[in-house]
Amino acid sequence: MSANLFDHLPPVTSSDEEFTTLLGEPGLIVQRIVSTGQASPPGFWYDQADAEWVLLLEGEALLRFADESAARHLYPGDHLDIAAGRKHRVEWTKPGTHTVWLAVHRPGQAA
């Protein structure tokens, strides 16, 4: 069975991010995440037990790490590996459009 990552996107006016698991097996989860202007709540930091590799496919985002002074501005094609336990947050995603992420979660050593 085949599918397209850009099929069935939520409306750009959606108030919630959409998380869709594309593949899940022990030790590996692949998700499509669609943001439509959402950001992490003030003061909130992701601190995940697993490592996460993310690829921005469409849109724009600002991703901030607790150990860095400035957010990274991500554009389509930008990708990065986030070590397990490395605190990070989404500072901004471009409103009025789809910001489409591909995220791969896997076991990893803490930063």
C-alpha atoms as a PDB file:
ATOM      1  CA  MET A   1       0.000   0.000   0.000  1.00  0.00           C
ATOM      2  CA  SER A   2       1.339   3.429  -0.859  1.00  0.00           C
ATOM      3  CA  ALA A   3       0.410   6.839   0.460  1.00  0.00           C
ATOM      4  CA  ASN A   4       1.512  10.442   0.047  1.00  0.00           C
ATOM      5  CA  LEU A   5       2.781  12.510   3.002  1.00  0.00           C
ATOM      6  CA  PHE A   6       0.885  15.535   1.710  1.00  0.00           C
ATOM      7  CA  ASP A   7      -2.514  13.811   1.487  1.00  0.00           C
ATOM      8  CA  HIS A   8      -5.194  14.629   4.054  1.00  0.00           C
ATOM      9  CA  LEU A   9      -3.538  17.689   5.599  1.00  0.00           C
ATOM     10  CA  PRO A  10      -5.634  19.495   8.207  1.00  0.00           C
ATOM     11  CA  PRO A  11      -7.076  22.929   7.372  1.00  0.00           C
ATOM     12  CA  VAL A  12      -4.505  25.730   7.768  1.00  0.00           C
ATOM     13  CA  THR A  13      -6.937  27.268  10.264  1.00  0.00           C
ATOM     14  CA  SER A  14      -6.658  24.228  12.560  1.00  0.00           C
ATOM     15  CA  SER A  15      -5.954  25.123  16.192  1.00  0.00           C
ATOM     16  CA  ASP A  16      -4.175  21.827  16.910  1.00  0.00           C
ATOM     17  CA  GLU A  17      -1.071  20.187  15.562  1.00  0.00           C
ATOM     18  CA  GLU A  18      -1.669  16.836  13.911  1.00  0.00           C
ATOM     19  CA  PHE A  19       0.503  13.812  14.729  1.00  0.00           C
ATOM     20  CA  THR A  20       0.165  10.783  12.450  1.00  0.00           C
ATOM     21  CA  THR A  21       2.181   7.613  13.038  1.00  0.00           C
ATOM     22  CA  LEU A  22       3.331   6.306   9.667  1.00  0.00           C
ATOM     23  CA  LEU A  23       5.376   3.389  10.988  1.00  0.00           C
ATOM     24  CA  GLY A  24       5.608   1.984  14.470  1.00  0.00           C
ATOM     25  CA  GLU A  25       7.568  -0.988  15.660  1.00  0.00           C
ATOM     26  CA  PRO A  26       9.631  -1.765  18.757  1.00  0.00           C
ATOM     27  CA  GLY A  27      12.346   0.862  19.040  1.00  0.00           C
ATOM     28  CA  LEU A  28      11.220   2.951  16.052  1.00  0.00           C
ATOM     29  CA  ILE A  29       8.377   5.392  15.400  1.00  0.00           C
ATOM     30  CA  VAL A  30       8.044   7.473  12.226  1.00  0.00           C
ATOM     31  CA  GLN A  31       5.543  10.345  12.416  1.00  0.00           C
ATOM     32  CA  ARG A  32       4.217  13.048  10.182  1.00  0.00           C
ATOM     33  CA  ILE A  33       3.636  16.205  12.205  1.00  0.00           C
ATOM     34  CA  VAL A  34       1.624  19.048  10.713  1.00  0.00           C
ATOM     35  CA  SER A  35       1.731  22.465  12.366  1.00  0.00           C
ATOM     36  CA  THR A  36      -0.425  25.409  11.286  1.00  0.00           C
ATOM     37  CA  GLY A  37       1.047  28.187  13.410  1.00  0.00           C
ATOM     38  CA  GLN A  38       1.428  26.297  16.695  1.00  0.00           C
ATOM     39  CA  ALA A  39       4.371  26.599  19.076  1.00  0.00           C
ATOM     40  CA  SER A  40       5.360  25.055  22.385  1.00  0.00           C
ATOM     41  CA  PRO A  41       3.639  26.661  25.382  1.00  0.00           C
ATOM     42  CA  PRO A  42       5.654  29.364  27.191  1.00  0.00           C
ATOM     43  CA  GLY A  43       8.243  27.782  29.471  1.00  0.00           C
ATOM     44  CA  PHE A  44       7.659  24.262  28.107  1.00  0.00           C
ATOM     45  CA  TRP A  45      10.623  22.151  26.950  1.00  0.00           C
ATOM     46  CA  TYR A  46      10.514  18.719  25.359  1.00  0.00           C
ATOM     47  CA  ASP A  47      12.833  16.388  27.290  1.00  0.00           C
ATOM     48  CA  GLN A  48      12.401  13.055  25.548  1.00  0.00           C
ATOM     49  CA  ALA A  49      13.774   9.668  26.565  1.00  0.00           C
ATOM     50  CA  ASP A  50      14.321   8.770  22.894  1.00  0.00           C
ATOM     51  CA  ALA A  51      16.423  10.436  20.218  1.00  0.00           C
ATOM     52  CA  GLU A  52      14.545  12.177  17.401  1.00  0.00           C
ATOM     53  CA  TRP A  53      15.628  12.950  13.852  1.00  0.00           C
ATOM     54  CA  VAL A  54      13.433  15.605  12.205  1.00  0.00           C
ATOM     55  CA  LEU A  55      13.154  16.782   8.616  1.00  0.00           C
ATOM     56  CA  LEU A  56      11.162  19.881   7.679  1.00  0.00           C
ATOM     57  CA  LEU A  57       9.353  19.120   4.429  1.00  0.00           C
ATOM     58  CA  GLU A  58       7.186  22.215   4.015  1.00  0.00           C
ATOM     59  CA  GLY A  59       6.706  25.555   5.775  1.00  0.00           C
ATOM     60  CA  GLU A  60       9.021  27.250   8.273  1.00  0.00           C
ATOM     61  CA  ALA A  61       9.794  26.835  11.951  1.00  0.00           C
ATOM     62  CA  LEU A  62      11.988  28.143  14.748  1.00  0.00           C
ATOM     63  CA  LEU A  63      13.402  25.335  16.876  1.00  0.00           C
ATOM     64  CA  ARG A  64      15.189  26.262  20.095  1.00  0.00           C
ATOM     65  CA  PHE A  65      17.491  24.194  22.282  1.00  0.00           C
ATOM     66  CA  ALA A  66      17.849  25.013  25.985  1.00  0.00           C
ATOM     67  CA  ASP A  67      21.651  24.948  25.648  1.00  0.00           C
ATOM     68  CA  GLU A  68      21.749  27.442  22.749  1.00  0.00           C
ATOM     69  CA  SER A  69      21.174  31.198  22.933  1.00  0.00           C
ATOM     70  CA  ALA A  70      19.151  31.515  19.713  1.00  0.00           C
ATOM     71  CA  ALA A  71      16.528  29.507  17.890  1.00  0.00           C
ATOM     72  CA  ARG A  72      17.379  27.783  14.626  1.00  0.00           C
ATOM     73  CA  HIS A  73      15.297  28.912  11.639  1.00  0.00           C
ATOM     74  CA  LEU A  74      14.328  25.816   9.669  1.00  0.00           C
ATOM     75  CA  TYR A  75      13.262  25.767   6.020  1.00  0.00           C
ATOM     76  CA  PRO A  76      12.176  22.888   3.750  1.00  0.00           C
ATOM     77  CA  GLY A  77      14.937  20.333   3.492  1.00  0.00           C
ATOM     78  CA  ASP A  78      16.551  21.244   6.833  1.00  0.00           C
ATOM     79  CA  HIS A  79      17.016  18.294   9.162  1.00  0.00           C
ATOM     80  CA  LEU A  80      18.684  17.628  12.484  1.00  0.00           C
ATOM     81  CA  ASP A  81      19.219  14.933  15.052  1.00  0.00           C
ATOM     82  CA  ILE A  82      18.066  15.650  18.592  1.00  0.00           C
ATOM     83  CA  ALA A  83      19.817  13.546  21.229  1.00  0.00           C
ATOM     84  CA  ALA A  84      17.759  11.850  23.912  1.00  0.00           C
ATOM     85  CA  GLY A  85      17.352  14.195  26.878  1.00  0.00           C
ATOM     86  CA  ARG A  86      18.322  17.338  24.947  1.00  0.00           C
ATOM     87  CA  LYS A  87      15.756  19.946  25.910  1.00  0.00           C
ATOM     88  CA  HIS A  88      14.148  21.688  22.960  1.00  0.00           C
ATOM     89  CA  ARG A  89      10.998  23.544  21.990  1.00  0.00           C
ATOM     90  CA  VAL A  90       9.207  24.841  18.928  1.00  0.00           C
ATOM     91  CA  GLU A  91       9.337  28.631  19.211  1.00  0.00           C
ATOM     92  CA  TRP A  92       7.219  29.314  16.096  1.00  0.00           C
ATOM     93  CA  THR A  93       5.710  27.775  12.990  1.00  0.00           C
ATOM     94  CA  LYS A  94       4.533  29.871  10.086  1.00  0.00           C
ATOM     95  CA  PRO A  95       0.838  30.736  10.479  1.00  0.00           C
ATOM     96  CA  GLY A  96      -1.615  30.375   7.608  1.00  0.00           C
ATOM     97  CA  THR A  97       0.266  27.528   5.980  1.00  0.00           C
ATOM     98  CA  HIS A  98       1.232  23.933   6.624  1.00  0.00           C
ATOM     99  CA  THR A  99       4.515  23.204   8.330  1.00  0.00           C
ATOM    100  CA  VAL A 100       5.070  19.520   7.639  1.00  0.00           C
ATOM    101  CA  TRP A 101       7.665  17.578   9.625  1.00  0.00           C
ATOM    102  CA  LEU A 102       8.892  14.000   9.325  1.00  0.00           C
ATOM    103  CA  ALA A 103      10.054  12.764  12.734  1.00  0.00           C
ATOM    104  CA  VAL A 104      11.882   9.526  13.451  1.00  0.00           C
ATOM    105  CA  HIS A 105      11.965   8.508  17.135  1.00  0.00           C
ATOM    106  CA  ARG A 106      14.464   5.874  18.191  1.00  0.00           C
ATOM    107  CA  PRO A 107      16.362   4.820  21.303  1.00  0.00           C
ATOM    108  CA  GLY A 108      19.327   7.041  21.951  1.00  0.00           C
ATOM    109  CA  GLN A 109      21.827   8.011  24.584  1.00  0.00           C
ATOM    110  CA  ALA A 110      21.141  11.127  26.615  1.00  0.00           C
ATOM    111  CA  ALA A 111      22.936  14.299  25.618  1.00  0.00           C
END
